[in-house]
Amino acid sequence: MADSSHGHGHTPAAWTGVIIAFIGFTVAGAFMVMANPLGFWAGMAIVLLGGVVGGVMRAMGLGMPKAQPLKMADGAAKAKPKAAAATREPVAAES
């Protein structure tokens, strides 16, 4: 399972995009039930708008910061890499 400590999706850009898309799905669903194709497609346009707004906010710096590459210590860069020992996961008993 993914580790949530990295803050995946916990940004203003993500929240805003998802909320707008949710409103769009709600509008599209309501108009679909009312058999109104124009309202349905308007709701779908709102869903797309949510993605655009989220992307623009991310470009403005309100999204997740890009991960910086890890820097190696001077001694570690010069040392020869050691071969990793082969490990194997235990096999679960099948019934």
PDB file of N, CA and C in Angstrom:
ATOM      1  N   MET A   1       0.839  -1.162   0.000  1.00  0.00           N
ATOM      2  CA  MET A   1       0.000   0.000   0.000  1.00  0.00           C
ATOM      3  C   MET A   1       0.889   1.232   0.000  1.00  0.00           C
ATOM      4  N   ALA A   2       0.436   2.270  -0.649  1.00  0.00           N
ATOM      5  CA  ALA A   2       1.235   3.487  -0.753  1.00  0.00           C
ATOM      6  C   ALA A   2       1.353   4.169   0.598  1.00  0.00           C
ATOM      7  N   ASP A   3       2.504   4.749   0.812  1.00  0.00           N
ATOM      8  CA  ASP A   3       2.759   5.473   2.052  1.00  0.00           C
ATOM      9  C   ASP A   3       2.184   6.875   1.918  1.00  0.00           C
ATOM     10  N   SER A   4       1.292   7.257   2.788  1.00  0.00           N
ATOM     11  CA  SER A   4       0.634   8.564   2.688  1.00  0.00           C
ATOM     12  C   SER A   4       1.424   9.663   3.360  1.00  0.00           C
ATOM     13  N   SER A   5       2.600   9.369   3.879  1.00  0.00           N
ATOM     14  CA  SER A   5       3.380  10.390   4.558  1.00  0.00           C
ATOM     15  C   SER A   5       4.007  11.382   3.587  1.00  0.00           C
ATOM     16  N   HIS A   6       3.978  11.075   2.305  1.00  0.00           N
ATOM     17  CA  HIS A   6       4.554  11.983   1.324  1.00  0.00           C
ATOM     18  C   HIS A   6       3.584  13.093   0.935  1.00  0.00           C
ATOM     19  N   GLY A   7       2.376  13.095   1.452  1.00  0.00           N
ATOM     20  CA  GLY A   7       1.418  14.156   1.172  1.00  0.00           C
ATOM     21  C   GLY A   7       0.783  14.063  -0.200  1.00  0.00           C
ATOM     22  N   HIS A   8       0.655  12.856  -0.723  1.00  0.00           N
ATOM     23  CA  HIS A   8       0.083  12.663  -2.050  1.00  0.00           C
ATOM     24  C   HIS A   8      -1.309  13.288  -2.124  1.00  0.00           C
ATOM     25  N   GLY A   9      -1.464  14.302  -2.951  1.00  0.00           N
ATOM     26  CA  GLY A   9      -2.754  14.921  -3.168  1.00  0.00           C
ATOM     27  C   GLY A   9      -3.187  15.919  -2.123  1.00  0.00           C
ATOM     28  N   HIS A  10      -2.341  16.202  -1.160  1.00  0.00           N
ATOM     29  CA  HIS A  10      -2.715  17.140  -0.102  1.00  0.00           C
ATOM     30  C   HIS A  10      -2.203  18.534  -0.437  1.00  0.00           C
ATOM     31  N   THR A  11      -2.649  19.067  -1.567  1.00  0.00           N
ATOM     32  CA  THR A  11      -2.232  20.388  -2.008  1.00  0.00           C
ATOM     33  C   THR A  11      -3.467  21.188  -2.412  1.00  0.00           C
ATOM     34  N   PRO A  12      -3.375  22.514  -2.392  1.00  0.00           N
ATOM     35  CA  PRO A  12      -4.512  23.319  -2.850  1.00  0.00           C
ATOM     36  C   PRO A  12      -4.894  23.015  -4.295  1.00  0.00           C
ATOM     37  N   ALA A  13      -3.912  22.747  -5.154  1.00  0.00           N
ATOM     38  CA  ALA A  13      -4.216  22.443  -6.552  1.00  0.00           C
ATOM     39  C   ALA A  13      -5.036  21.157  -6.669  1.00  0.00           C
ATOM     40  N   ALA A  14      -4.650  20.124  -5.930  1.00  0.00           N
ATOM     41  CA  ALA A  14      -5.362  18.850  -5.992  1.00  0.00           C
ATOM     42  C   ALA A  14      -6.777  18.987  -5.428  1.00  0.00           C
ATOM     43  N   TRP A  15      -6.891  19.629  -4.284  1.00  0.00           N
ATOM     44  CA  TRP A  15      -8.216  19.779  -3.675  1.00  0.00           C
ATOM     45  C   TRP A  15      -9.151  20.581  -4.576  1.00  0.00           C
ATOM     46  N   THR A  16      -8.663  21.671  -5.135  1.00  0.00           N
ATOM     47  CA  THR A  16      -9.510  22.511  -5.984  1.00  0.00           C
ATOM     48  C   THR A  16      -9.936  21.754  -7.232  1.00  0.00           C
ATOM     49  N   GLY A  17      -9.006  21.078  -7.881  1.00  0.00           N
ATOM     50  CA  GLY A  17      -9.356  20.324  -9.084  1.00  0.00           C
ATOM     51  C   GLY A  17     -10.366  19.229  -8.817  1.00  0.00           C
ATOM     52  N   VAL A  18     -10.202  18.518  -7.709  1.00  0.00           N
ATOM     53  CA  VAL A  18     -11.131  17.434  -7.379  1.00  0.00           C
ATOM     54  C   VAL A  18     -12.516  17.976  -7.010  1.00  0.00           C
ATOM     55  N   ILE A  19     -12.560  19.067  -6.277  1.00  0.00           N
ATOM     56  CA  ILE A  19     -13.863  19.640  -5.897  1.00  0.00           C
ATOM     57  C   ILE A  19     -14.615  20.122  -7.129  1.00  0.00           C
ATOM     58  N   ILE A  20     -13.924  20.796  -8.052  1.00  0.00           N
ATOM     59  CA  ILE A  20     -14.589  21.253  -9.275  1.00  0.00           C
ATOM     60  C   ILE A  20     -15.060  20.062 -10.104  1.00  0.00           C
ATOM     61  N   ALA A  21     -14.231  19.027 -10.218  1.00  0.00           N
ATOM     62  CA  ALA A  21     -14.626  17.835 -10.974  1.00  0.00           C
ATOM     63  C   ALA A  21     -15.817  17.140 -10.316  1.00  0.00           C
ATOM     64  N   PHE A  22     -15.847  17.097  -8.986  1.00  0.00           N
ATOM     65  CA  PHE A  22     -16.979  16.484  -8.288  1.00  0.00           C
ATOM     66  C   PHE A  22     -18.272  17.260  -8.569  1.00  0.00           C
ATOM     67  N   ILE A  23     -18.180  18.574  -8.552  1.00  0.00           N
ATOM     68  CA  ILE A  23     -19.362  19.391  -8.883  1.00  0.00           C
ATOM     69  C   ILE A  23     -19.813  19.103 -10.311  1.00  0.00           C
ATOM     70  N   GLY A  24     -18.852  18.960 -11.225  1.00  0.00           N
ATOM     71  CA  GLY A  24     -19.195  18.640 -12.614  1.00  0.00           C
ATOM     72  C   GLY A  24     -19.884  17.291 -12.743  1.00  0.00           C
ATOM     73  N   PHE A  25     -19.382  16.279 -12.024  1.00  0.00           N
ATOM     74  CA  PHE A  25     -20.037  14.967 -12.064  1.00  0.00           C
ATOM     75  C   PHE A  25     -21.449  15.040 -11.486  1.00  0.00           C
ATOM     76  N   THR A  26     -21.623  15.827 -10.446  1.00  0.00           N
ATOM     77  CA  THR A  26     -22.953  15.974  -9.850  1.00  0.00           C
ATOM     78  C   THR A  26     -23.914  16.642 -10.835  1.00  0.00           C
ATOM     79  N   VAL A  27     -23.457  17.699 -11.475  1.00  0.00           N
ATOM     80  CA  VAL A  27     -24.295  18.392 -12.457  1.00  0.00           C
ATOM     81  C   VAL A  27     -24.631  17.459 -13.616  1.00  0.00           C
ATOM     82  N   ALA A  28     -23.622  16.755 -14.141  1.00  0.00           N
ATOM     83  CA  ALA A  28     -23.857  15.846 -15.261  1.00  0.00           C
ATOM     84  C   ALA A  28     -24.819  14.719 -14.868  1.00  0.00           C
ATOM     85  N   GLY A  29     -24.656  14.195 -13.667  1.00  0.00           N
ATOM     86  CA  GLY A  29     -25.558  13.135 -13.215  1.00  0.00           C
ATOM     87  C   GLY A  29     -26.988  13.606 -13.060  1.00  0.00           C
ATOM     88  N   ALA A  30     -27.163  14.801 -12.514  1.00  0.00           N
ATOM     89  CA  ALA A  30     -28.521  15.331 -12.344  1.00  0.00           C
ATOM     90  C   ALA A  30     -29.191  15.538 -13.697  1.00  0.00           C
ATOM     91  N   PHE A  31     -28.470  16.114 -14.643  1.00  0.00           N
ATOM     92  CA  PHE A  31     -29.066  16.351 -15.958  1.00  0.00           C
ATOM     93  C   PHE A  31     -29.253  15.062 -16.746  1.00  0.00           C
ATOM     94  N   MET A  32     -28.454  14.047 -16.457  1.00  0.00           N
ATOM     95  CA  MET A  32     -28.648  12.767 -17.119  1.00  0.00           C
ATOM     96  C   MET A  32     -29.966  12.147 -16.655  1.00  0.00           C
ATOM     97  N   VAL A  33     -30.238  12.253 -15.362  1.00  0.00           N
ATOM     98  CA  VAL A  33     -31.491  11.718 -14.832  1.00  0.00           C
ATOM     99  C   VAL A  33     -32.681  12.483 -15.385  1.00  0.00           C
ATOM    100  N   MET A  34     -32.498  13.793 -15.602  1.00  0.00           N
ATOM    101  CA  MET A  34     -33.582  14.622 -16.147  1.00  0.00           C
ATOM    102  C   MET A  34     -33.673  14.522 -17.669  1.00  0.00           C
ATOM    103  N   ALA A  35     -32.849  13.668 -18.286  1.00  0.00           N
ATOM    104  CA  ALA A  35     -32.843  13.448 -19.738  1.00  0.00           C
ATOM    105  C   ALA A  35     -32.608  14.747 -20.495  1.00  0.00           C
ATOM    106  N   ASN A  36     -31.623  15.518 -20.042  1.00  0.00           N
ATOM    107  CA  ASN A  36     -31.268  16.778 -20.685  1.00  0.00           C
ATOM    108  C   ASN A  36     -29.816  16.676 -21.164  1.00  0.00           C
ATOM    109  N   PRO A  37     -29.614  16.348 -22.444  1.00  0.00           N
ATOM    110  CA  PRO A  37     -28.249  16.150 -22.942  1.00  0.00           C
ATOM    111  C   PRO A  37     -27.381  17.408 -22.862  1.00  0.00           C
ATOM    112  N   LEU A  38     -27.952  18.567 -23.090  1.00  0.00           N
ATOM    113  CA  LEU A  38     -27.163  19.799 -23.034  1.00  0.00           C
ATOM    114  C   LEU A  38     -26.616  20.034 -21.624  1.00  0.00           C
ATOM    115  N   GLY A  39     -27.436  19.821 -20.612  1.00  0.00           N
ATOM    116  CA  GLY A  39     -26.981  19.972 -19.232  1.00  0.00           C
ATOM    117  C   GLY A  39     -25.942  18.925 -18.864  1.00  0.00           C
ATOM    118  N   PHE A  40     -26.114  17.697 -19.385  1.00  0.00           N
ATOM    119  CA  PHE A  40     -25.134  16.643 -19.137  1.00  0.00           C
ATOM    120  C   PHE A  40     -23.768  17.050 -19.667  1.00  0.00           C
ATOM    121  N   TRP A  41     -23.709  17.536 -20.907  1.00  0.00           N
ATOM    122  CA  TRP A  41     -22.431  17.912 -21.498  1.00  0.00           C
ATOM    123  C   TRP A  41     -21.851  19.158 -20.833  1.00  0.00           C
ATOM    124  N   ALA A  42     -22.720  20.019 -20.321  1.00  0.00           N
ATOM    125  CA  ALA A  42     -22.221  21.166 -19.553  1.00  0.00           C
ATOM    126  C   ALA A  42     -21.530  20.673 -18.279  1.00  0.00           C
ATOM    127  N   GLY A  43     -22.110  19.667 -17.632  1.00  0.00           N
ATOM    128  CA  GLY A  43     -21.486  19.075 -16.454  1.00  0.00           C
ATOM    129  C   GLY A  43     -20.158  18.426 -16.780  1.00  0.00           C
ATOM    130  N   MET A  44     -20.071  17.758 -17.935  1.00  0.00           N
ATOM    131  CA  MET A  44     -18.817  17.144 -18.341  1.00  0.00           C
ATOM    132  C   MET A  44     -17.761  18.211 -18.647  1.00  0.00           C
ATOM    133  N   ALA A  45     -18.195  19.351 -19.163  1.00  0.00           N
ATOM    134  CA  ALA A  45     -17.259  20.460 -19.393  1.00  0.00           C
ATOM    135  C   ALA A  45     -16.723  20.982 -18.062  1.00  0.00           C
ATOM    136  N   ILE A  46     -17.564  20.983 -17.036  1.00  0.00           N
ATOM    137  CA  ILE A  46     -17.114  21.402 -15.702  1.00  0.00           C
ATOM    138  C   ILE A  46     -16.077  20.409 -15.167  1.00  0.00           C
ATOM    139  N   VAL A  47     -16.272  19.131 -15.438  1.00  0.00           N
ATOM    140  CA  VAL A  47     -15.285  18.123 -15.023  1.00  0.00           C
ATOM    141  C   VAL A  47     -13.930  18.421 -15.669  1.00  0.00           C
ATOM    142  N   LEU A  48     -13.930  18.695 -16.961  1.00  0.00           N
ATOM    143  CA  LEU A  48     -12.682  19.024 -17.657  1.00  0.00           C
ATOM    144  C   LEU A  48     -12.082  20.318 -17.118  1.00  0.00           C
ATOM    145  N   LEU A  49     -12.944  21.266 -16.782  1.00  0.00           N
ATOM    146  CA  LEU A  49     -12.471  22.517 -16.203  1.00  0.00           C
ATOM    147  C   LEU A  49     -11.722  22.265 -14.898  1.00  0.00           C
ATOM    148  N   GLY A  50     -12.188  21.307 -14.106  1.00  0.00           N
ATOM    149  CA  GLY A  50     -11.505  20.956 -12.861  1.00  0.00           C
ATOM    150  C   GLY A  50     -10.078  20.487 -13.111  1.00  0.00           C
ATOM    151  N   GLY A  51      -9.885  19.684 -14.148  1.00  0.00           N
ATOM    152  CA  GLY A  51      -8.545  19.234 -14.493  1.00  0.00           C
ATOM    153  C   GLY A  51      -7.654  20.375 -14.957  1.00  0.00           C
ATOM    154  N   VAL A  52      -8.218  21.278 -15.731  1.00  0.00           N
ATOM    155  CA  VAL A  52      -7.449  22.425 -16.221  1.00  0.00           C
ATOM    156  C   VAL A  52      -7.065  23.342 -15.062  1.00  0.00           C
ATOM    157  N   VAL A  53      -8.027  23.633 -14.188  1.00  0.00           N
ATOM    158  CA  VAL A  53      -7.747  24.511 -13.045  1.00  0.00           C
ATOM    159  C   VAL A  53      -6.683  23.884 -12.142  1.00  0.00           C
ATOM    160  N   GLY A  54      -6.793  22.589 -11.867  1.00  0.00           N
ATOM    161  CA  GLY A  54      -5.790  21.916 -11.057  1.00  0.00           C
ATOM    162  C   GLY A  54      -4.412  21.974 -11.691  1.00  0.00           C
ATOM    163  N   GLY A  55      -4.345  21.783 -13.018  1.00  0.00           N
ATOM    164  CA  GLY A  55      -3.061  21.849 -13.715  1.00  0.00           C
ATOM    165  C   GLY A  55      -2.462  23.250 -13.705  1.00  0.00           C
ATOM    166  N   VAL A  56      -3.298  24.263 -13.873  1.00  0.00           N
ATOM    167  CA  VAL A  56      -2.814  25.643 -13.843  1.00  0.00           C
ATOM    168  C   VAL A  56      -2.325  25.993 -12.440  1.00  0.00           C
ATOM    169  N   MET A  57      -3.063  25.586 -11.424  1.00  0.00           N
ATOM    170  CA  MET A  57      -2.623  25.867 -10.050  1.00  0.00           C
ATOM    171  C   MET A  57      -1.313  25.155  -9.733  1.00  0.00           C
ATOM    172  N   ARG A  58      -1.159  23.950 -10.249  1.00  0.00           N
ATOM    173  CA  ARG A  58       0.100  23.225 -10.045  1.00  0.00           C
ATOM    174  C   ARG A  58       1.258  23.957 -10.717  1.00  0.00           C
ATOM    175  N   ALA A  59       0.999  24.479 -11.932  1.00  0.00           N
ATOM    176  CA  ALA A  59       2.033  25.229 -12.640  1.00  0.00           C
ATOM    177  C   ALA A  59       2.379  26.525 -11.906  1.00  0.00           C
ATOM    178  N   MET A  60       1.428  27.063 -11.159  1.00  0.00           N
ATOM    179  CA  MET A  60       1.669  28.282 -10.386  1.00  0.00           C
ATOM    180  C   MET A  60       2.418  28.004  -9.090  1.00  0.00           C
ATOM    181  N   GLY A  61       2.661  26.732  -8.793  1.00  0.00           N
ATOM    182  CA  GLY A  61       3.421  26.383  -7.596  1.00  0.00           C
ATOM    183  C   GLY A  61       2.577  25.954  -6.419  1.00  0.00           C
ATOM    184  N   LEU A  62       1.295  25.711  -6.638  1.00  0.00           N
ATOM    185  CA  LEU A  62       0.412  25.308  -5.547  1.00  0.00           C
ATOM    186  C   LEU A  62       0.225  23.794  -5.476  1.00  0.00           C
ATOM    187  N   GLY A  63       0.991  23.048  -6.268  1.00  0.00           N
ATOM    188  CA  GLY A  63       0.930  21.590  -6.238  1.00  0.00           C
ATOM    189  C   GLY A  63       2.100  21.022  -5.468  1.00  0.00           C
ATOM    190  N   MET A  64       2.337  19.729  -5.669  1.00  0.00           N
ATOM    191  CA  MET A  64       3.461  19.065  -5.007  1.00  0.00           C
ATOM    192  C   MET A  64       4.768  19.585  -5.592  1.00  0.00           C
ATOM    193  N   PRO A  65       5.747  19.885  -4.736  1.00  0.00           N
ATOM    194  CA  PRO A  65       7.055  20.276  -5.275  1.00  0.00           C
ATOM    195  C   PRO A  65       7.723  19.078  -5.928  1.00  0.00           C
ATOM    196  N   LYS A  66       8.502  19.358  -6.967  1.00  0.00           N
ATOM    197  CA  LYS A  66       9.187  18.267  -7.656  1.00  0.00           C
ATOM    198  C   LYS A  66      10.276  17.707  -6.754  1.00  0.00           C
ATOM    199  N   ALA A  67      10.423  16.396  -6.771  1.00  0.00           N
ATOM    200  CA  ALA A  67      11.425  15.736  -5.927  1.00  0.00           C
ATOM    201  C   ALA A  67      12.820  16.087  -6.419  1.00  0.00           C
ATOM    202  N   GLN A  68      13.676  16.432  -5.483  1.00  0.00           N
ATOM    203  CA  GLN A  68      15.063  16.735  -5.808  1.00  0.00           C
ATOM    204  C   GLN A  68      15.861  15.432  -5.802  1.00  0.00           C
ATOM    205  N   PRO A  69      16.790  15.270  -6.738  1.00  0.00           N
ATOM    206  CA  PRO A  69      17.595  14.047  -6.731  1.00  0.00           C
ATOM    207  C   PRO A  69      18.475  13.991  -5.479  1.00  0.00           C
ATOM    208  N   LEU A  70      18.659  12.794  -4.957  1.00  0.00           N
ATOM    209  CA  LEU A  70      19.473  12.614  -3.770  1.00  0.00           C
ATOM    210  C   LEU A  70      20.941  12.785  -4.118  1.00  0.00           C
ATOM    211  N   LYS A  71      21.663  13.466  -3.246  1.00  0.00           N
ATOM    212  CA  LYS A  71      23.096  13.661  -3.451  1.00  0.00           C
ATOM    213  C   LYS A  71      23.840  12.633  -2.613  1.00  0.00           C
ATOM    214  N   MET A  72      24.844  12.044  -3.204  1.00  0.00           N
ATOM    215  CA  MET A  72      25.638  11.048  -2.502  1.00  0.00           C
ATOM    216  C   MET A  72      26.778  11.737  -1.759  1.00  0.00           C
ATOM    217  N   ALA A  73      27.180  11.179  -0.652  1.00  0.00           N
ATOM    218  CA  ALA A  73      28.325  11.696   0.085  1.00  0.00           C
ATOM    219  C   ALA A  73      29.588  11.446  -0.734  1.00  0.00           C
ATOM    220  N   ASP A  74      30.622  12.231  -0.510  1.00  0.00           N
ATOM    221  CA  ASP A  74      31.850  12.107  -1.292  1.00  0.00           C
ATOM    222  C   ASP A  74      32.445  10.704  -1.222  1.00  0.00           C
ATOM    223  N   GLY A  75      32.498  10.116  -0.041  1.00  0.00           N
ATOM    224  CA  GLY A  75      33.064   8.783   0.118  1.00  0.00           C
ATOM    225  C   GLY A  75      32.230   7.713  -0.556  1.00  0.00           C
ATOM    226  N   ALA A  76      30.925   7.872  -0.551  1.00  0.00           N
ATOM    227  CA  ALA A  76      30.043   6.878  -1.146  1.00  0.00           C
ATOM    228  C   ALA A  76      30.127   6.909  -2.667  1.00  0.00           C
ATOM    229  N   ALA A  77      30.409   8.068  -3.240  1.00  0.00           N
ATOM    230  CA  ALA A  77      30.489   8.167  -4.692  1.00  0.00           C
ATOM    231  C   ALA A  77      31.732   7.474  -5.230  1.00  0.00           C
ATOM    232  N   LYS A  78      32.811   7.450  -4.441  1.00  0.00           N
ATOM    233  CA  LYS A  78      34.065   6.864  -4.889  1.00  0.00           C
ATOM    234  C   LYS A  78      34.135   5.365  -4.620  1.00  0.00           C
ATOM    235  N   ALA A  79      33.352   4.878  -3.675  1.00  0.00           N
ATOM    236  CA  ALA A  79      33.401   3.457  -3.311  1.00  0.00           C
ATOM    237  C   ALA A  79      32.743   2.616  -4.396  1.00  0.00           C
ATOM    238  N   LYS A  80      33.243   1.389  -4.529  1.00  0.00           N
ATOM    239  CA  LYS A  80      32.659   0.471  -5.494  1.00  0.00           C
ATOM    240  C   LYS A  80      31.320  -0.032  -4.956  1.00  0.00           C
ATOM    241  N   PRO A  81      30.298  -0.110  -5.819  1.00  0.00           N
ATOM    242  CA  PRO A  81      29.021  -0.655  -5.349  1.00  0.00           C
ATOM    243  C   PRO A  81      29.135  -2.151  -5.099  1.00  0.00           C
ATOM    244  N   LYS A  82      28.558  -2.582  -4.007  1.00  0.00           N
ATOM    245  CA  LYS A  82      28.583  -4.003  -3.665  1.00  0.00           C
ATOM    246  C   LYS A  82      27.380  -4.688  -4.306  1.00  0.00           C
ATOM    247  N   ALA A  83      27.583  -5.938  -4.687  1.00  0.00           N
ATOM    248  CA  ALA A  83      26.486  -6.698  -5.268  1.00  0.00           C
ATOM    249  C   ALA A  83      25.475  -7.024  -4.176  1.00  0.00           C
ATOM    250  N   ALA A  84      24.220  -6.827  -4.478  1.00  0.00           N
ATOM    251  CA  ALA A  84      23.170  -7.107  -3.510  1.00  0.00           C
ATOM    252  C   ALA A  84      22.980  -8.616  -3.370  1.00  0.00           C
ATOM    253  N   ALA A  85      22.784  -9.059  -2.153  1.00  0.00           N
ATOM    254  CA  ALA A  85      22.543 -10.474  -1.908  1.00  0.00           C
ATOM    255  C   ALA A  85      21.143 -10.829  -2.403  1.00  0.00           C
ATOM    256  N   ALA A  86      21.043 -11.968  -3.017  1.00  0.00           N
ATOM    257  CA  ALA A  86      19.747 -12.407  -3.516  1.00  0.00           C
ATOM    258  C   ALA A  86      18.851 -12.779  -2.339  1.00  0.00           C
ATOM    259  N   THR A  87      17.700 -12.179  -2.295  1.00  0.00           N
ATOM    260  CA  THR A  87      16.737 -12.505  -1.242  1.00  0.00           C
ATOM    261  C   THR A  87      15.467 -12.995  -1.901  1.00  0.00           C
ATOM    262  N   ARG A  88      14.749 -13.771  -1.159  1.00  0.00           N
ATOM    263  CA  ARG A  88      13.520 -14.326  -1.688  1.00  0.00           C
ATOM    264  C   ARG A  88      12.438 -14.216  -0.646  1.00  0.00           C
ATOM    265  N   GLU A  89      11.266 -13.795  -1.095  1.00  0.00           N
ATOM    266  CA  GLU A  89      10.121 -13.704  -0.203  1.00  0.00           C
ATOM    267  C   GLU A  89       9.605 -15.103   0.101  1.00  0.00           C
ATOM    268  N   PRO A  90       9.152 -15.333   1.337  1.00  0.00           N
ATOM    269  CA  PRO A  90       8.579 -16.653   1.633  1.00  0.00           C
ATOM    270  C   PRO A  90       7.280 -16.868   0.846  1.00  0.00           C
ATOM    271  N   VAL A  91       7.111 -18.060   0.386  1.00  0.00           N
ATOM    272  CA  VAL A  91       5.923 -18.398  -0.387  1.00  0.00           C
ATOM    273  C   VAL A  91       4.801 -18.783   0.570  1.00  0.00           C
ATOM    274  N   ALA A  92       3.633 -18.191   0.336  1.00  0.00           N
ATOM    275  CA  ALA A  92       2.485 -18.516   1.183  1.00  0.00           C
ATOM    276  C   ALA A  92       1.973 -19.920   0.841  1.00  0.00           C
ATOM    277  N   ALA A  93       1.477 -20.608   1.832  1.00  0.00           N
ATOM    278  CA  ALA A  93       0.955 -21.944   1.633  1.00  0.00           C
ATOM    279  C   ALA A  93      -0.334 -21.865   0.825  1.00  0.00           C
ATOM    280  N   GLU A  94      -0.410 -22.667  -0.206  1.00  0.00           N
ATOM    281  CA  GLU A  94      -1.625 -22.697  -1.004  1.00  0.00           C
ATOM    282  C   GLU A  94      -2.536 -23.805  -0.516  1.00  0.00           C
ATOM    283  N   SER A  95      -3.824 -23.540  -0.557  1.00  0.00           N
ATOM    284  CA  SER A  95      -4.756 -24.567  -0.105  1.00  0.00           C
ATOM    285  C   SER A  95      -5.621 -25.055  -1.223  1.00  0.00           C
TER     286      SER A  95
END
